Amino acid sequence: MKNIKLYAIGDSLTAGFPFDEDYSFPSIIRDNLGWKVSNHGVNGQSSEEILYRIRHQNIFDEENHEENIRIATILCGSNDFIFEGEIEAKSVMHTLQIATLCREKNVKPLIISPMLCNAEQAKESWIDSEYIDYNKVNDSIKRFDNMLREACEEERFQFDFLSLDGRYSSYGKFVDGLHPDKEGYKLMAKVIEDRLLTMIEEI
């Protein structure tokens, strides 16, 4: 029997904001599949901050891990484009570096690109600022998605990749334009869970 641990790395979309962690997609996957799950989602962090945190916290170095399969989800980028603008190339670089750190620790990564936001709702319910254009944020997420997909297919990387937006846009409900409602987190969990199960079959 495969003994599996999932490390969920990311920002508020991984933490489950604005709800308790039990409503986050890693916790839902844990409850569905019985895996061991470690949630390393931190609200508000950029891809660079997440990279720094994962690099220095040594989250994979448990003295006695019993799992014969260790996998990770990496979901970040939205905060980069909200607070820092059009920095897609840097965000891709940081995300690939996080995935490389996983691989070096014998943890198989799944890189996930975030869903688009609801620009009108985000402006009304999240941050209404002359410095944030949520339509441009969505443009950056689209470019980030394409650049990540292409990078993951490169021979030197060969990382598993999942785009959330294609599946989530058909549901499209948020609490604030950026973060899913409770049913949305369940949908996220289902989409990610299906991809992870496929990955495990290939290990």
N, C-alpha and C. Protein backbone atom coordinates (compact mmCIF):
# COMPACT_ATOMS: atom_id res chain seq x y z
N MET A 1 0.85 -1.20 0.00
CA MET A 1 0.00 0.00 0.00
C MET A 1 0.89 1.25 0.00
N LYS A 2 0.57 2.21 -0.84
CA LYS A 2 1.35 3.42 -0.92
C LYS A 2 1.06 4.33 0.26
N ASN A 3 2.12 4.77 0.90
CA ASN A 3 2.03 5.69 2.02
C ASN A 3 2.43 7.06 1.51
N ILE A 4 1.52 8.02 1.51
CA ILE A 4 1.70 9.26 0.77
C ILE A 4 1.64 10.46 1.69
N LYS A 5 2.55 11.41 1.45
CA LYS A 5 2.49 12.70 2.12
C LYS A 5 2.46 13.80 1.09
N LEU A 6 1.58 14.79 1.31
CA LEU A 6 1.45 15.95 0.44
C LEU A 6 1.91 17.19 1.18
N TYR A 7 2.85 17.91 0.58
CA TYR A 7 3.26 19.23 1.05
C TYR A 7 2.58 20.26 0.15
N ALA A 8 1.74 21.08 0.72
CA ALA A 8 1.02 22.10 -0.06
C ALA A 8 1.71 23.44 0.17
N ILE A 9 2.32 23.96 -0.89
CA ILE A 9 3.14 25.17 -0.81
C ILE A 9 2.44 26.29 -1.56
N GLY A 10 2.33 27.46 -0.93
CA GLY A 10 1.69 28.55 -1.65
C GLY A 10 1.33 29.74 -0.78
N ASP A 11 0.30 30.44 -1.24
CA ASP A 11 -0.16 31.66 -0.58
C ASP A 11 -1.55 31.42 0.02
N SER A 12 -2.40 32.43 0.00
CA SER A 12 -3.71 32.31 0.63
C SER A 12 -4.62 31.30 -0.06
N LEU A 13 -4.42 31.04 -1.36
CA LEU A 13 -5.22 30.04 -2.05
C LEU A 13 -4.93 28.64 -1.53
N THR A 14 -3.74 28.44 -0.99
CA THR A 14 -3.40 27.16 -0.36
C THR A 14 -3.81 27.16 1.11
N ALA A 15 -3.68 28.31 1.77
CA ALA A 15 -4.06 28.41 3.19
C ALA A 15 -5.56 28.26 3.40
N GLY A 16 -6.36 28.58 2.36
CA GLY A 16 -7.82 28.47 2.48
C GLY A 16 -8.51 29.74 2.89
N PHE A 17 -7.81 30.87 2.80
CA PHE A 17 -8.38 32.17 3.16
C PHE A 17 -9.69 32.42 2.42
N PRO A 18 -10.71 32.99 3.07
CA PRO A 18 -10.75 33.55 4.42
C PRO A 18 -11.29 32.57 5.47
N PHE A 19 -11.31 31.30 5.14
CA PHE A 19 -11.90 30.29 6.03
C PHE A 19 -10.83 29.62 6.88
N ASP A 20 -11.26 28.77 7.80
CA ASP A 20 -10.34 27.95 8.58
C ASP A 20 -9.60 27.00 7.65
N GLU A 21 -8.45 26.53 8.10
CA GLU A 21 -7.63 25.64 7.28
C GLU A 21 -8.37 24.37 6.87
N ASP A 22 -9.35 23.96 7.68
CA ASP A 22 -10.12 22.76 7.34
C ASP A 22 -10.85 22.89 6.01
N TYR A 23 -11.08 24.11 5.55
CA TYR A 23 -11.77 24.33 4.28
C TYR A 23 -10.79 24.49 3.12
N SER A 24 -9.50 24.44 3.39
CA SER A 24 -8.50 24.59 2.33
C SER A 24 -8.46 23.32 1.47
N PHE A 25 -7.97 23.48 0.24
CA PHE A 25 -7.94 22.29 -0.63
C PHE A 25 -7.02 21.19 -0.09
N PRO A 26 -5.88 21.50 0.57
CA PRO A 26 -5.08 20.39 1.12
C PRO A 26 -5.82 19.59 2.19
N SER A 27 -6.58 20.29 3.04
CA SER A 27 -7.33 19.58 4.08
C SER A 27 -8.44 18.73 3.48
N ILE A 28 -9.08 19.23 2.43
CA ILE A 28 -10.13 18.46 1.77
C ILE A 28 -9.55 17.20 1.14
N ILE A 29 -8.37 17.34 0.51
CA ILE A 29 -7.71 16.16 -0.07
C ILE A 29 -7.33 15.17 1.03
N ARG A 30 -6.83 15.69 2.15
CA ARG A 30 -6.50 14.82 3.29
C ARG A 30 -7.72 14.02 3.74
N ASP A 31 -8.85 14.71 3.88
CA ASP A 31 -10.06 14.04 4.34
C ASP A 31 -10.59 13.05 3.31
N ASN A 32 -10.43 13.37 2.03
CA ASN A 32 -10.93 12.48 0.97
C ASN A 32 -10.09 11.22 0.82
N LEU A 33 -8.77 11.36 0.93
CA LEU A 33 -7.87 10.27 0.57
C LEU A 33 -7.11 9.67 1.74
N GLY A 34 -7.14 10.34 2.90
CA GLY A 34 -6.43 9.80 4.05
C GLY A 34 -4.93 10.00 4.01
N TRP A 35 -4.46 10.89 3.14
CA TRP A 35 -3.03 11.18 3.08
C TRP A 35 -2.59 12.03 4.27
N LYS A 36 -1.31 11.98 4.56
CA LYS A 36 -0.72 12.96 5.46
C LYS A 36 -0.52 14.25 4.67
N VAL A 37 -0.90 15.35 5.26
CA VAL A 37 -0.83 16.63 4.55
C VAL A 37 -0.19 17.68 5.45
N SER A 38 0.70 18.44 4.88
CA SER A 38 1.33 19.56 5.57
C SER A 38 1.05 20.83 4.76
N ASN A 39 0.28 21.75 5.36
CA ASN A 39 -0.13 22.95 4.64
C ASN A 39 0.87 24.08 4.91
N HIS A 40 1.53 24.51 3.84
CA HIS A 40 2.52 25.58 3.93
C HIS A 40 2.06 26.78 3.10
N GLY A 41 0.77 27.07 3.17
CA GLY A 41 0.22 28.26 2.54
C GLY A 41 0.25 29.43 3.50
N VAL A 42 0.76 30.58 3.06
CA VAL A 42 0.83 31.77 3.90
C VAL A 42 0.18 32.93 3.17
N ASN A 43 -0.79 33.54 3.82
CA ASN A 43 -1.54 34.63 3.19
C ASN A 43 -0.62 35.78 2.76
N GLY A 44 -0.86 36.29 1.56
CA GLY A 44 -0.22 37.52 1.11
C GLY A 44 1.17 37.39 0.56
N GLN A 45 1.74 36.18 0.54
CA GLN A 45 3.13 36.07 0.11
C GLN A 45 3.27 36.01 -1.41
N SER A 46 4.33 36.61 -1.89
CA SER A 46 4.70 36.55 -3.30
C SER A 46 5.47 35.25 -3.56
N SER A 47 5.69 34.95 -4.83
CA SER A 47 6.45 33.75 -5.17
C SER A 47 7.88 33.84 -4.62
N GLU A 48 8.45 35.04 -4.62
CA GLU A 48 9.80 35.22 -4.09
C GLU A 48 9.84 34.95 -2.59
N GLU A 49 8.84 35.44 -1.86
CA GLU A 49 8.78 35.21 -0.42
C GLU A 49 8.57 33.74 -0.10
N ILE A 50 7.75 33.08 -0.91
CA ILE A 50 7.52 31.64 -0.71
C ILE A 50 8.81 30.86 -0.96
N LEU A 51 9.52 31.22 -2.02
CA LEU A 51 10.80 30.58 -2.31
C LEU A 51 11.76 30.74 -1.13
N TYR A 52 11.88 31.94 -0.62
CA TYR A 52 12.77 32.19 0.52
C TYR A 52 12.37 31.34 1.72
N ARG A 53 11.06 31.29 1.98
CA ARG A 53 10.56 30.54 3.14
C ARG A 53 10.85 29.05 3.00
N ILE A 54 10.57 28.48 1.84
CA ILE A 54 10.78 27.05 1.64
C ILE A 54 12.27 26.72 1.66
N ARG A 55 13.07 27.62 1.13
CA ARG A 55 14.52 27.39 1.10
C ARG A 55 15.12 27.36 2.50
N HIS A 56 14.56 28.16 3.42
CA HIS A 56 15.17 28.31 4.74
C HIS A 56 14.46 27.54 5.86
N GLN A 57 13.26 27.06 5.62
CA GLN A 57 12.55 26.33 6.68
C GLN A 57 12.82 24.84 6.69
N ASN A 58 13.41 24.31 5.62
CA ASN A 58 13.72 22.88 5.56
C ASN A 58 12.50 22.01 5.86
N ILE A 59 11.40 22.30 5.21
CA ILE A 59 10.16 21.61 5.52
C ILE A 59 10.19 20.13 5.15
N PHE A 60 11.11 19.74 4.27
CA PHE A 60 11.15 18.35 3.81
C PHE A 60 12.08 17.47 4.65
N ASP A 61 12.77 18.06 5.62
CA ASP A 61 13.84 17.33 6.30
C ASP A 61 13.39 16.72 7.62
N GLU A 62 12.24 16.06 7.62
CA GLU A 62 11.85 15.36 8.83
C GLU A 62 12.86 14.24 9.10
N GLU A 63 13.16 14.00 10.37
CA GLU A 63 14.15 12.98 10.70
C GLU A 63 13.66 11.58 10.33
N ASN A 64 12.39 11.33 10.56
CA ASN A 64 11.86 10.00 10.30
C ASN A 64 10.54 10.11 9.54
N HIS A 65 10.63 10.27 8.21
CA HIS A 65 9.38 10.26 7.45
C HIS A 65 9.13 8.84 6.94
N GLU A 66 7.91 8.39 7.15
CA GLU A 66 7.55 7.01 6.84
C GLU A 66 6.95 6.87 5.45
N GLU A 67 6.73 7.96 4.77
CA GLU A 67 6.04 7.91 3.49
C GLU A 67 6.96 7.39 2.39
N ASN A 68 6.46 6.48 1.57
CA ASN A 68 7.27 6.05 0.44
C ASN A 68 7.01 6.88 -0.81
N ILE A 69 6.01 7.74 -0.75
CA ILE A 69 5.78 8.71 -1.82
C ILE A 69 5.55 10.08 -1.18
N ARG A 70 6.34 11.06 -1.62
CA ARG A 70 6.16 12.42 -1.14
C ARG A 70 5.95 13.33 -2.35
N ILE A 71 4.88 14.09 -2.31
CA ILE A 71 4.52 14.97 -3.42
C ILE A 71 4.23 16.37 -2.88
N ALA A 72 4.27 17.34 -3.77
CA ALA A 72 4.02 18.73 -3.36
C ALA A 72 3.19 19.44 -4.40
N THR A 73 2.33 20.33 -3.94
CA THR A 73 1.67 21.27 -4.84
C THR A 73 2.31 22.64 -4.63
N ILE A 74 2.50 23.35 -5.72
CA ILE A 74 3.07 24.70 -5.68
C ILE A 74 2.10 25.62 -6.41
N LEU A 75 1.44 26.48 -5.65
CA LEU A 75 0.42 27.38 -6.21
C LEU A 75 0.72 28.80 -5.73
N CYS A 76 1.18 29.64 -6.64
CA CYS A 76 1.51 31.02 -6.28
C CYS A 76 1.45 31.89 -7.53
N GLY A 77 1.69 33.18 -7.33
CA GLY A 77 1.73 34.09 -8.47
C GLY A 77 0.75 35.23 -8.39
N SER A 78 -0.42 35.00 -7.85
CA SER A 78 -1.45 36.04 -7.85
C SER A 78 -0.98 37.31 -7.13
N ASN A 79 -0.35 37.13 -5.97
CA ASN A 79 0.10 38.31 -5.22
C ASN A 79 1.19 39.07 -5.96
N ASP A 80 1.99 38.36 -6.74
CA ASP A 80 3.03 39.02 -7.53
C ASP A 80 2.41 40.08 -8.43
N PHE A 81 1.33 39.71 -9.08
CA PHE A 81 0.74 40.58 -10.10
C PHE A 81 -0.18 41.64 -9.49
N ILE A 82 -0.73 41.36 -8.31
CA ILE A 82 -1.56 42.35 -7.63
C ILE A 82 -0.69 43.48 -7.07
N PHE A 83 0.41 43.10 -6.43
CA PHE A 83 1.19 44.09 -5.68
C PHE A 83 2.47 44.54 -6.38
N GLU A 84 2.93 43.77 -7.38
CA GLU A 84 4.19 44.12 -8.00
C GLU A 84 4.09 44.38 -9.50
N GLY A 85 2.95 44.08 -10.10
CA GLY A 85 2.78 44.39 -11.51
C GLY A 85 3.15 43.23 -12.43
N GLU A 86 3.56 43.57 -13.62
CA GLU A 86 3.79 42.59 -14.68
C GLU A 86 5.21 42.02 -14.56
N ILE A 87 5.37 41.04 -13.69
CA ILE A 87 6.69 40.44 -13.46
C ILE A 87 6.63 38.93 -13.72
N GLU A 88 5.96 38.54 -14.79
CA GLU A 88 5.70 37.12 -15.04
C GLU A 88 6.98 36.29 -15.11
N ALA A 89 8.01 36.80 -15.77
CA ALA A 89 9.24 36.02 -15.93
C ALA A 89 9.88 35.72 -14.57
N LYS A 90 9.89 36.70 -13.68
CA LYS A 90 10.44 36.48 -12.34
C LYS A 90 9.59 35.47 -11.58
N SER A 91 8.28 35.57 -11.72
CA SER A 91 7.38 34.65 -11.02
C SER A 91 7.59 33.22 -11.50
N VAL A 92 7.77 33.05 -12.80
CA VAL A 92 8.05 31.72 -13.35
C VAL A 92 9.36 31.19 -12.79
N MET A 93 10.38 32.03 -12.77
CA MET A 93 11.69 31.62 -12.25
C MET A 93 11.59 31.17 -10.79
N HIS A 94 10.88 31.96 -9.97
CA HIS A 94 10.74 31.60 -8.56
C HIS A 94 9.99 30.27 -8.40
N THR A 95 8.94 30.10 -9.17
CA THR A 95 8.14 28.88 -9.08
C THR A 95 8.95 27.65 -9.47
N LEU A 96 9.73 27.78 -10.53
CA LEU A 96 10.58 26.66 -10.96
C LEU A 96 11.66 26.36 -9.93
N GLN A 97 12.16 27.38 -9.26
CA GLN A 97 13.15 27.16 -8.22
C GLN A 97 12.55 26.42 -7.03
N ILE A 98 11.31 26.75 -6.68
CA ILE A 98 10.62 26.01 -5.61
C ILE A 98 10.47 24.54 -6.00
N ALA A 99 10.05 24.30 -7.25
CA ALA A 99 9.89 22.93 -7.72
C ALA A 99 11.21 22.17 -7.71
N THR A 100 12.28 22.86 -8.07
CA THR A 100 13.60 22.23 -8.06
C THR A 100 14.02 21.85 -6.65
N LEU A 101 13.73 22.72 -5.67
CA LEU A 101 14.01 22.39 -4.28
C LEU A 101 13.26 21.13 -3.86
N CYS A 102 12.01 21.00 -4.29
CA CYS A 102 11.23 19.80 -4.00
C CYS A 102 11.92 18.56 -4.58
N ARG A 103 12.27 18.65 -5.84
CA ARG A 103 12.88 17.51 -6.52
C ARG A 103 14.19 17.10 -5.85
N GLU A 104 14.96 18.08 -5.41
CA GLU A 104 16.24 17.78 -4.74
C GLU A 104 16.03 17.01 -3.44
N LYS A 105 14.85 17.16 -2.84
CA LYS A 105 14.52 16.45 -1.60
C LYS A 105 13.69 15.19 -1.87
N ASN A 106 13.68 14.75 -3.12
CA ASN A 106 12.93 13.55 -3.50
C ASN A 106 11.43 13.71 -3.25
N VAL A 107 10.94 14.93 -3.48
CA VAL A 107 9.51 15.24 -3.40
C VAL A 107 9.06 15.63 -4.80
N LYS A 108 8.06 14.94 -5.31
CA LYS A 108 7.62 15.17 -6.69
C LYS A 108 6.66 16.35 -6.72
N PRO A 109 6.99 17.43 -7.45
CA PRO A 109 6.15 18.62 -7.43
C PRO A 109 5.09 18.66 -8.55
N LEU A 110 3.97 19.24 -8.21
CA LEU A 110 2.94 19.62 -9.19
C LEU A 110 2.84 21.14 -9.16
N ILE A 111 3.22 21.78 -10.26
CA ILE A 111 3.12 23.23 -10.36
C ILE A 111 1.72 23.59 -10.84
N ILE A 112 1.07 24.51 -10.13
CA ILE A 112 -0.31 24.89 -10.43
C ILE A 112 -0.35 26.39 -10.70
N SER A 113 -0.98 26.78 -11.79
CA SER A 113 -1.18 28.21 -12.03
C SER A 113 -2.57 28.60 -11.52
N PRO A 114 -2.69 29.81 -10.95
CA PRO A 114 -3.96 30.19 -10.30
C PRO A 114 -5.05 30.52 -11.31
N MET A 115 -6.27 30.53 -10.81
CA MET A 115 -7.41 30.94 -11.62
C MET A 115 -7.42 32.47 -11.76
N LEU A 116 -8.11 32.95 -12.77
CA LEU A 116 -8.29 34.39 -12.93
C LEU A 116 -9.19 34.91 -11.82
N CYS A 117 -9.04 36.18 -11.50
CA CYS A 117 -9.91 36.79 -10.51
C CYS A 117 -11.15 37.37 -11.19
N ASN A 118 -12.13 37.70 -10.38
CA ASN A 118 -13.28 38.47 -10.85
C ASN A 118 -12.94 39.94 -10.61
N ALA A 119 -12.55 40.62 -11.67
CA ALA A 119 -11.98 41.96 -11.54
C ALA A 119 -12.93 42.94 -10.86
N GLU A 120 -14.17 42.92 -11.26
CA GLU A 120 -15.14 43.86 -10.70
C GLU A 120 -15.38 43.60 -9.22
N GLN A 121 -15.54 42.33 -8.86
CA GLN A 121 -15.77 41.98 -7.46
C GLN A 121 -14.54 42.25 -6.61
N ALA A 122 -13.35 41.98 -7.15
CA ALA A 122 -12.11 42.22 -6.39
C ALA A 122 -11.94 43.70 -6.08
N LYS A 123 -12.25 44.53 -7.03
CA LYS A 123 -12.13 45.98 -6.80
C LYS A 123 -13.10 46.43 -5.72
N GLU A 124 -14.27 45.82 -5.68
CA GLU A 124 -15.29 46.21 -4.71
C GLU A 124 -15.05 45.60 -3.34
N SER A 125 -14.57 44.33 -3.30
CA SER A 125 -14.55 43.59 -2.04
C SER A 125 -13.14 43.33 -1.50
N TRP A 126 -12.12 43.50 -2.30
CA TRP A 126 -10.77 43.22 -1.83
C TRP A 126 -10.03 44.54 -1.61
N ILE A 127 -9.33 45.03 -2.62
CA ILE A 127 -8.61 46.29 -2.50
C ILE A 127 -8.99 47.18 -3.68
N ASP A 128 -9.55 48.33 -3.39
CA ASP A 128 -9.88 49.31 -4.42
C ASP A 128 -8.78 50.37 -4.41
N SER A 129 -7.86 50.26 -5.34
CA SER A 129 -6.71 51.16 -5.37
C SER A 129 -6.43 51.58 -6.80
N GLU A 130 -6.04 52.82 -6.97
CA GLU A 130 -5.69 53.30 -8.29
C GLU A 130 -4.44 52.60 -8.82
N TYR A 131 -3.71 51.93 -7.94
CA TYR A 131 -2.48 51.26 -8.34
C TYR A 131 -2.70 49.80 -8.74
N ILE A 132 -3.91 49.30 -8.56
CA ILE A 132 -4.20 47.91 -8.91
C ILE A 132 -5.27 47.87 -9.99
N ASP A 133 -4.93 47.30 -11.13
CA ASP A 133 -5.87 47.09 -12.21
C ASP A 133 -6.06 45.58 -12.33
N TYR A 134 -7.20 45.08 -11.88
CA TYR A 134 -7.41 43.64 -11.84
C TYR A 134 -7.54 43.02 -13.21
N ASN A 135 -7.92 43.79 -14.20
CA ASN A 135 -7.90 43.26 -15.57
C ASN A 135 -6.47 43.00 -16.02
N LYS A 136 -5.55 43.89 -15.62
CA LYS A 136 -4.14 43.66 -15.94
C LYS A 136 -3.59 42.49 -15.13
N VAL A 137 -4.08 42.36 -13.91
CA VAL A 137 -3.70 41.19 -13.11
C VAL A 137 -4.07 39.91 -13.85
N ASN A 138 -5.27 39.87 -14.40
CA ASN A 138 -5.71 38.68 -15.16
C ASN A 138 -4.85 38.47 -16.40
N ASP A 139 -4.47 39.55 -17.06
CA ASP A 139 -3.60 39.42 -18.23
C ASP A 139 -2.26 38.80 -17.81
N SER A 140 -1.75 39.21 -16.66
CA SER A 140 -0.49 38.66 -16.17
C SER A 140 -0.64 37.18 -15.81
N ILE A 141 -1.77 36.82 -15.19
CA ILE A 141 -2.01 35.41 -14.85
C ILE A 141 -2.05 34.56 -16.11
N LYS A 142 -2.67 35.06 -17.16
CA LYS A 142 -2.73 34.32 -18.43
C LYS A 142 -1.33 34.11 -19.01
N ARG A 143 -0.52 35.17 -19.00
CA ARG A 143 0.85 35.04 -19.52
C ARG A 143 1.67 34.11 -18.64
N PHE A 144 1.49 34.24 -17.34
CA PHE A 144 2.18 33.37 -16.37
C PHE A 144 1.83 31.91 -16.63
N ASP A 145 0.56 31.64 -16.85
CA ASP A 145 0.08 30.28 -17.14
C ASP A 145 0.79 29.73 -18.37
N ASN A 146 0.81 30.49 -19.44
CA ASN A 146 1.42 30.03 -20.68
C ASN A 146 2.93 29.82 -20.52
N MET A 147 3.58 30.75 -19.84
CA MET A 147 5.03 30.65 -19.67
C MET A 147 5.40 29.48 -18.77
N LEU A 148 4.60 29.26 -17.72
CA LEU A 148 4.84 28.12 -16.83
C LEU A 148 4.65 26.80 -17.57
N ARG A 149 3.57 26.72 -18.33
CA ARG A 149 3.28 25.49 -19.07
C ARG A 149 4.45 25.15 -20.00
N GLU A 150 4.93 26.14 -20.73
CA GLU A 150 6.03 25.91 -21.66
C GLU A 150 7.30 25.52 -20.92
N ALA A 151 7.58 26.19 -19.80
CA ALA A 151 8.79 25.88 -19.04
C ALA A 151 8.75 24.47 -18.47
N CYS A 152 7.58 24.06 -17.97
CA CYS A 152 7.46 22.72 -17.38
C CYS A 152 7.68 21.62 -18.40
N GLU A 153 7.44 21.92 -19.67
CA GLU A 153 7.62 20.94 -20.73
C GLU A 153 9.06 20.87 -21.22
N GLU A 154 9.89 21.84 -20.83
CA GLU A 154 11.28 21.82 -21.27
C GLU A 154 12.00 20.60 -20.70
N GLU A 155 12.92 20.07 -21.49
CA GLU A 155 13.60 18.84 -21.11
C GLU A 155 14.35 18.98 -19.79
N ARG A 156 14.89 20.18 -19.53
CA ARG A 156 15.68 20.36 -18.30
C ARG A 156 14.81 20.39 -17.05
N PHE A 157 13.50 20.61 -17.21
CA PHE A 157 12.61 20.67 -16.06
C PHE A 157 11.68 19.45 -15.99
N GLN A 158 10.81 19.29 -16.97
CA GLN A 158 9.88 18.16 -16.99
C GLN A 158 9.08 18.05 -15.70
N PHE A 159 8.46 19.18 -15.33
CA PHE A 159 7.61 19.20 -14.14
C PHE A 159 6.15 18.98 -14.54
N ASP A 160 5.39 18.33 -13.65
CA ASP A 160 3.95 18.21 -13.86
C ASP A 160 3.31 19.58 -13.67
N PHE A 161 2.29 19.85 -14.49
CA PHE A 161 1.68 21.19 -14.50
C PHE A 161 0.17 21.07 -14.56
N LEU A 162 -0.51 21.99 -13.86
CA LEU A 162 -1.97 22.05 -13.87
C LEU A 162 -2.40 23.50 -13.90
N SER A 163 -3.29 23.84 -14.80
CA SER A 163 -3.89 25.17 -14.84
C SER A 163 -5.27 25.10 -14.19
N LEU A 164 -5.47 25.91 -13.14
CA LEU A 164 -6.76 25.89 -12.44
C LEU A 164 -7.87 26.59 -13.20
N ASP A 165 -7.52 27.61 -13.97
CA ASP A 165 -8.56 28.50 -14.47
C ASP A 165 -9.55 27.80 -15.39
N GLY A 166 -9.08 26.89 -16.22
CA GLY A 166 -10.00 26.24 -17.16
C GLY A 166 -11.18 25.58 -16.48
N ARG A 167 -10.91 24.94 -15.34
CA ARG A 167 -11.99 24.26 -14.62
C ARG A 167 -12.74 25.22 -13.71
N TYR A 168 -12.03 26.18 -13.10
CA TYR A 168 -12.68 27.04 -12.13
C TYR A 168 -13.56 28.09 -12.78
N SER A 169 -13.19 28.53 -13.97
CA SER A 169 -13.96 29.60 -14.62
C SER A 169 -15.40 29.20 -14.89
N SER A 170 -15.64 27.90 -15.05
CA SER A 170 -17.02 27.45 -15.28
C SER A 170 -17.86 27.56 -14.01
N TYR A 171 -17.20 27.61 -12.86
CA TYR A 171 -17.88 27.81 -11.58
C TYR A 171 -17.87 29.30 -11.23
N GLY A 172 -16.70 29.86 -11.11
CA GLY A 172 -16.52 31.30 -11.09
C GLY A 172 -17.01 32.06 -9.88
N LYS A 173 -17.23 31.41 -8.73
CA LYS A 173 -17.72 32.13 -7.56
C LYS A 173 -16.58 32.38 -6.57
N PHE A 174 -16.54 33.60 -6.05
CA PHE A 174 -15.52 34.01 -5.10
C PHE A 174 -16.18 34.72 -3.92
N VAL A 175 -15.47 34.78 -2.81
CA VAL A 175 -15.98 35.55 -1.68
C VAL A 175 -15.61 37.02 -1.80
N ASP A 176 -14.54 37.30 -2.54
CA ASP A 176 -14.04 38.68 -2.64
C ASP A 176 -13.45 39.01 -4.00
N GLY A 177 -13.68 38.17 -4.98
CA GLY A 177 -13.12 38.37 -6.31
C GLY A 177 -11.81 37.65 -6.52
N LEU A 178 -11.16 37.23 -5.44
CA LEU A 178 -9.87 36.55 -5.53
C LEU A 178 -9.88 35.15 -4.92
N HIS A 179 -10.59 34.99 -3.81
CA HIS A 179 -10.57 33.73 -3.07
C HIS A 179 -11.88 32.98 -3.26
N PRO A 180 -11.80 31.67 -3.48
CA PRO A 180 -13.01 30.88 -3.68
C PRO A 180 -13.93 30.88 -2.46
N ASP A 181 -15.20 30.63 -2.70
CA ASP A 181 -16.09 30.34 -1.59
C ASP A 181 -15.87 28.88 -1.18
N LYS A 182 -16.62 28.40 -0.21
CA LYS A 182 -16.38 27.04 0.29
C LYS A 182 -16.56 25.98 -0.78
N GLU A 183 -17.58 26.14 -1.60
CA GLU A 183 -17.78 25.18 -2.69
C GLU A 183 -16.66 25.28 -3.71
N GLY A 184 -16.14 26.49 -3.87
CA GLY A 184 -15.03 26.69 -4.79
C GLY A 184 -13.77 25.97 -4.34
N TYR A 185 -13.52 25.98 -3.03
CA TYR A 185 -12.36 25.24 -2.52
C TYR A 185 -12.56 23.74 -2.70
N LYS A 186 -13.78 23.28 -2.60
CA LYS A 186 -14.05 21.86 -2.87
C LYS A 186 -13.76 21.52 -4.32
N LEU A 187 -14.13 22.43 -5.23
CA LEU A 187 -13.85 22.21 -6.65
C LEU A 187 -12.34 22.21 -6.90
N MET A 188 -11.64 23.18 -6.30
CA MET A 188 -10.18 23.20 -6.41
C MET A 188 -9.59 21.87 -5.96
N ALA A 189 -10.05 21.39 -4.81
CA ALA A 189 -9.52 20.14 -4.26
C ALA A 189 -9.76 18.99 -5.22
N LYS A 190 -10.93 18.93 -5.83
CA LYS A 190 -11.26 17.84 -6.75
C LYS A 190 -10.35 17.87 -7.97
N VAL A 191 -10.16 19.05 -8.54
CA VAL A 191 -9.32 19.17 -9.74
C VAL A 191 -7.87 18.80 -9.41
N ILE A 192 -7.36 19.29 -8.29
CA ILE A 192 -5.98 19.01 -7.91
C ILE A 192 -5.82 17.55 -7.51
N GLU A 193 -6.79 17.03 -6.77
CA GLU A 193 -6.75 15.63 -6.35
C GLU A 193 -6.68 14.70 -7.55
N ASP A 194 -7.49 14.94 -8.57
CA ASP A 194 -7.48 14.09 -9.77
C ASP A 194 -6.11 14.09 -10.43
N ARG A 195 -5.49 15.26 -10.50
CA ARG A 195 -4.17 15.36 -11.14
C ARG A 195 -3.12 14.66 -10.30
N LEU A 196 -3.19 14.79 -8.99
CA LEU A 196 -2.22 14.13 -8.12
C LEU A 196 -2.35 12.61 -8.20
N LEU A 197 -3.56 12.11 -8.26
CA LEU A 197 -3.76 10.66 -8.38
C LEU A 197 -3.16 10.12 -9.67
N THR A 198 -3.30 10.91 -10.74
CA THR A 198 -2.67 10.51 -12.00
C THR A 198 -1.16 10.49 -11.87
N MET A 199 -0.60 11.49 -11.20
CA MET A 199 0.85 11.53 -10.98
C MET A 199 1.33 10.31 -10.22
N ILE A 200 0.58 9.95 -9.18
CA ILE A 200 1.00 8.83 -8.33
C ILE A 200 0.97 7.52 -9.10
N GLU A 201 0.00 7.37 -9.98
CA GLU A 201 -0.05 6.16 -10.81
C GLU A 201 1.18 6.01 -11.68
N GLU A 202 1.80 7.15 -12.02
CA GLU A 202 2.97 7.12 -12.90
C GLU A 202 4.27 6.94 -12.14
N ILE A 203 4.22 7.02 -10.80
CA ILE A 203 5.45 6.87 -10.01
C ILE A 203 5.82 5.39 -9.89
